[in-house]
Protein backbone atom coordinates (compact mmCIF):
# COMPACT_ATOMS: atom_id res chain seq x y z
CA MET A 1 -22.01 4.71 -23.80
CA ASP A 2 -21.27 3.55 -20.27
CA THR A 3 -23.38 5.30 -17.68
CA PRO A 4 -23.46 4.71 -13.93
CA HIS A 5 -26.57 2.56 -14.40
CA SER A 6 -25.59 0.68 -17.55
CA ARG A 7 -24.12 -2.31 -15.70
CA GLY A 8 -25.88 -4.32 -13.04
CA SER A 9 -29.27 -3.58 -11.62
CA LYS A 10 -30.21 -0.13 -10.38
CA ARG A 11 -30.59 -1.62 -6.90
CA ASP A 12 -27.06 -3.10 -7.02
CA LEU A 13 -25.62 0.23 -8.13
CA THR A 14 -27.50 2.09 -5.42
CA ARG A 15 -26.06 -0.31 -2.82
CA TRP A 16 -22.57 0.06 -4.33
CA TRP A 17 -22.71 3.87 -4.12
CA ALA A 18 -24.09 3.76 -0.57
CA ARG A 19 -21.18 1.52 0.49
CA TYR A 20 -18.73 3.74 -1.39
CA GLU A 21 -20.03 6.84 0.42
CA ARG A 22 -19.61 5.13 3.77
CA ILE A 23 -16.03 4.11 2.94
CA ALA A 24 -15.30 7.58 1.53
CA ARG A 25 -16.39 9.26 4.76
CA HIS A 26 -14.01 7.07 6.74
CA ALA A 27 -11.18 7.49 4.25
CA HIS A 28 -11.44 11.28 4.15
CA ARG A 29 -11.65 11.49 7.94
CA LEU A 30 -8.62 9.18 8.39
CA GLY A 31 -6.60 10.31 5.36
CA ARG A 32 -6.40 6.65 4.27
CA LEU A 33 -8.61 3.61 3.83
CA PRO A 34 -10.10 2.32 7.10
CA ARG A 35 -8.58 -0.55 9.09
CA LEU A 36 -10.10 -2.86 11.66
CA SER A 37 -8.19 -1.00 14.37
CA ASP A 38 -10.23 2.10 13.47
CA GLY A 39 -13.36 0.42 14.84
CA VAL A 40 -14.94 0.27 11.38
CA ASP A 41 -17.29 -2.55 10.37
CA PRO A 42 -15.09 -5.43 9.10
CA ALA A 43 -17.22 -5.65 5.94
CA ASP A 44 -16.34 -2.03 5.17
CA VAL A 45 -12.66 -2.68 5.81
CA GLY A 46 -12.63 -5.58 3.33
CA TRP A 47 -14.73 -3.86 0.70
CA PRO A 48 -11.88 -1.99 -1.06
CA ALA A 49 -10.01 -5.25 -1.61
CA SER A 50 -13.05 -6.75 -3.29
CA GLN A 51 -13.31 -3.68 -5.52
CA ARG A 52 -9.69 -4.11 -6.66
CA ARG A 53 -10.70 -7.53 -8.01
CA ALA A 54 -14.04 -6.41 -9.47
CA THR A 55 -14.32 -6.74 -13.22
CA THR A 56 -17.63 -4.97 -13.82
CA LEU A 57 -16.93 -1.51 -12.41
CA THR A 58 -18.11 1.42 -14.47
CA PRO A 59 -15.63 4.16 -15.35
CA GLN A 60 -17.41 6.38 -12.81
CA GLN A 61 -16.95 3.77 -10.09
CA ARG A 62 -13.24 3.38 -10.94
CA ASP A 63 -12.80 7.17 -10.85
CA ALA A 64 -14.55 7.34 -7.49
CA LEU A 65 -12.35 4.60 -6.02
CA GLU A 66 -9.20 6.25 -7.36
CA SER A 67 -10.17 9.48 -5.60
CA LEU A 68 -10.19 7.82 -2.16
CA PRO A 69 -7.26 8.71 0.13
CA GLY A 70 -4.97 5.70 0.28
CA TRP A 71 -6.55 3.93 -2.70
CA SER A 72 -4.23 1.69 -4.66
CA TYR A 73 -4.70 -1.17 -7.07
CA HIS A 74 -1.47 -2.67 -5.69
CA PRO A 75 -1.27 -1.80 -1.98
CA ARG A 76 1.37 -4.39 -1.12
CA ASP A 77 3.66 -3.24 -3.90
CA ASP A 78 3.13 0.36 -2.85
CA ALA A 79 3.91 -0.50 0.78
CA TRP A 80 7.11 -2.28 -0.29
CA ASP A 81 8.17 0.73 -2.35
CA ARG A 82 7.48 3.09 0.59
CA ARG A 83 9.57 0.91 2.89
CA ALA A 84 12.45 0.82 0.38
CA GLU A 85 12.30 4.61 0.17
CA GLU A 86 12.30 4.82 3.97
CA LEU A 87 15.45 2.66 3.97
CA ARG A 88 17.08 4.87 1.34
CA ARG A 89 16.32 8.00 3.39
CA PHE A 90 17.58 6.39 6.60
CA ILE A 91 20.89 5.46 4.97
CA ALA A 92 21.25 8.91 3.40
CA LEU A 93 20.62 10.59 6.76
CA HIS A 94 22.63 8.30 9.05
CA ALA A 95 25.30 6.96 6.63
CA ARG A 96 24.68 3.41 7.88
CA ALA A 97 22.19 0.60 7.72
CA PRO A 98 19.44 0.51 10.35
CA ARG A 99 20.21 -1.63 13.41
CA VAL A 100 17.87 -4.06 15.15
CA ARG A 101 18.85 -2.58 18.52
CA GLY A 102 19.06 0.96 17.19
CA ALA A 103 17.79 3.81 19.34
CA ILE A 104 16.10 5.79 16.56
CA PRO A 105 12.29 5.38 16.55
CA GLY A 106 11.29 2.89 13.86
CA GLU A 107 14.88 1.80 13.25
CA SER A 108 14.45 -1.73 14.58
CA GLY A 109 11.45 -2.46 12.38
CA LEU A 110 13.27 -1.07 9.36
CA ALA A 111 16.34 -3.20 10.19
CA HIS A 112 14.19 -6.34 10.35
CA TRP A 113 12.53 -5.45 7.04
CA TYR A 114 15.91 -4.83 5.41
CA SER A 115 17.22 -8.16 6.73
CA ARG A 116 14.24 -10.02 5.26
CA GLN A 117 14.75 -8.31 1.91
CA ARG A 118 18.45 -9.19 1.83
CA ILE A 119 17.61 -12.84 2.51
CA ALA A 120 14.89 -12.83 -0.14
CA ASP A 121 17.33 -11.26 -2.61
CA ALA A 122 20.04 -13.82 -1.84
CA ASP A 123 17.49 -16.63 -2.30
CA GLY A 124 16.31 -15.16 -5.62
CA ARG A 125 12.83 -14.42 -4.25
CA LEU A 126 12.83 -10.69 -5.04
CA THR A 127 11.59 -9.64 -8.44
CA PRO A 128 14.33 -8.12 -10.59
CA GLU A 129 12.65 -4.72 -10.15
CA ARG A 130 12.64 -5.01 -6.35
CA ALA A 131 16.23 -6.27 -6.29
CA LEU A 132 17.27 -3.24 -8.34
CA THR A 133 15.28 -0.90 -6.06
CA LEU A 134 16.93 -2.44 -2.98
CA ARG A 135 20.40 -2.01 -4.52
CA TYR A 136 19.57 1.60 -5.32
CA ALA A 137 18.29 2.25 -1.79
CA THR A 138 21.46 0.80 -0.25
CA ARG A 139 24.00 2.02 -2.80
CA ARG A 140 25.73 4.26 -0.22
CA LEU A 141 26.50 1.20 1.91
CA ARG A 142 28.64 -0.61 -0.67
CA GLY A 143 31.83 -1.81 0.94
CA SER A 144 30.74 -0.78 4.43
CA GLU A 145 28.38 -3.63 5.35
C-alpha cells in the first residue's frame, strides 16, 4: 500500500510537505497559485510547474496539489478555455465581436486574442477541439463579420 512515506526518503518527503504548506498558504490567501508579481520567492512560484511533471508523487501528494486554489494539470489549456468562454459571453452580451479600440474594459485584449485565434485557425494551427470551441463561441456572429 502506498503511504506518504513509501516513496523517496523521509527527509525528501518532509521537505516536499514543507514546500507544499508554504505554497498552500499563498494559494489560499490569494485564491490562486502565487505569481512573481505577488512578491513570492521565485522558487515557490515555479514549484507547482515542477510538480505537474513529477512522476513519483504519492496519491496523498496528488490529492493535496489538486486541493490548491488554481491548481491545474493543464493551466494553458484551462486559460485558453476561459478566454474562449469570455469571448462567447462578450458576443452573447454585446451581439458583436470585441473591437481592438473598444471602450469596454478588457475588450481590446479580448479582440487581440480573438484575432490571433482566427489566424491560427486559418493556418491550421488550432487543434480540432479548439477550432470547434472557437466556432461555438462565435456562432452568433455568422454572417455578420
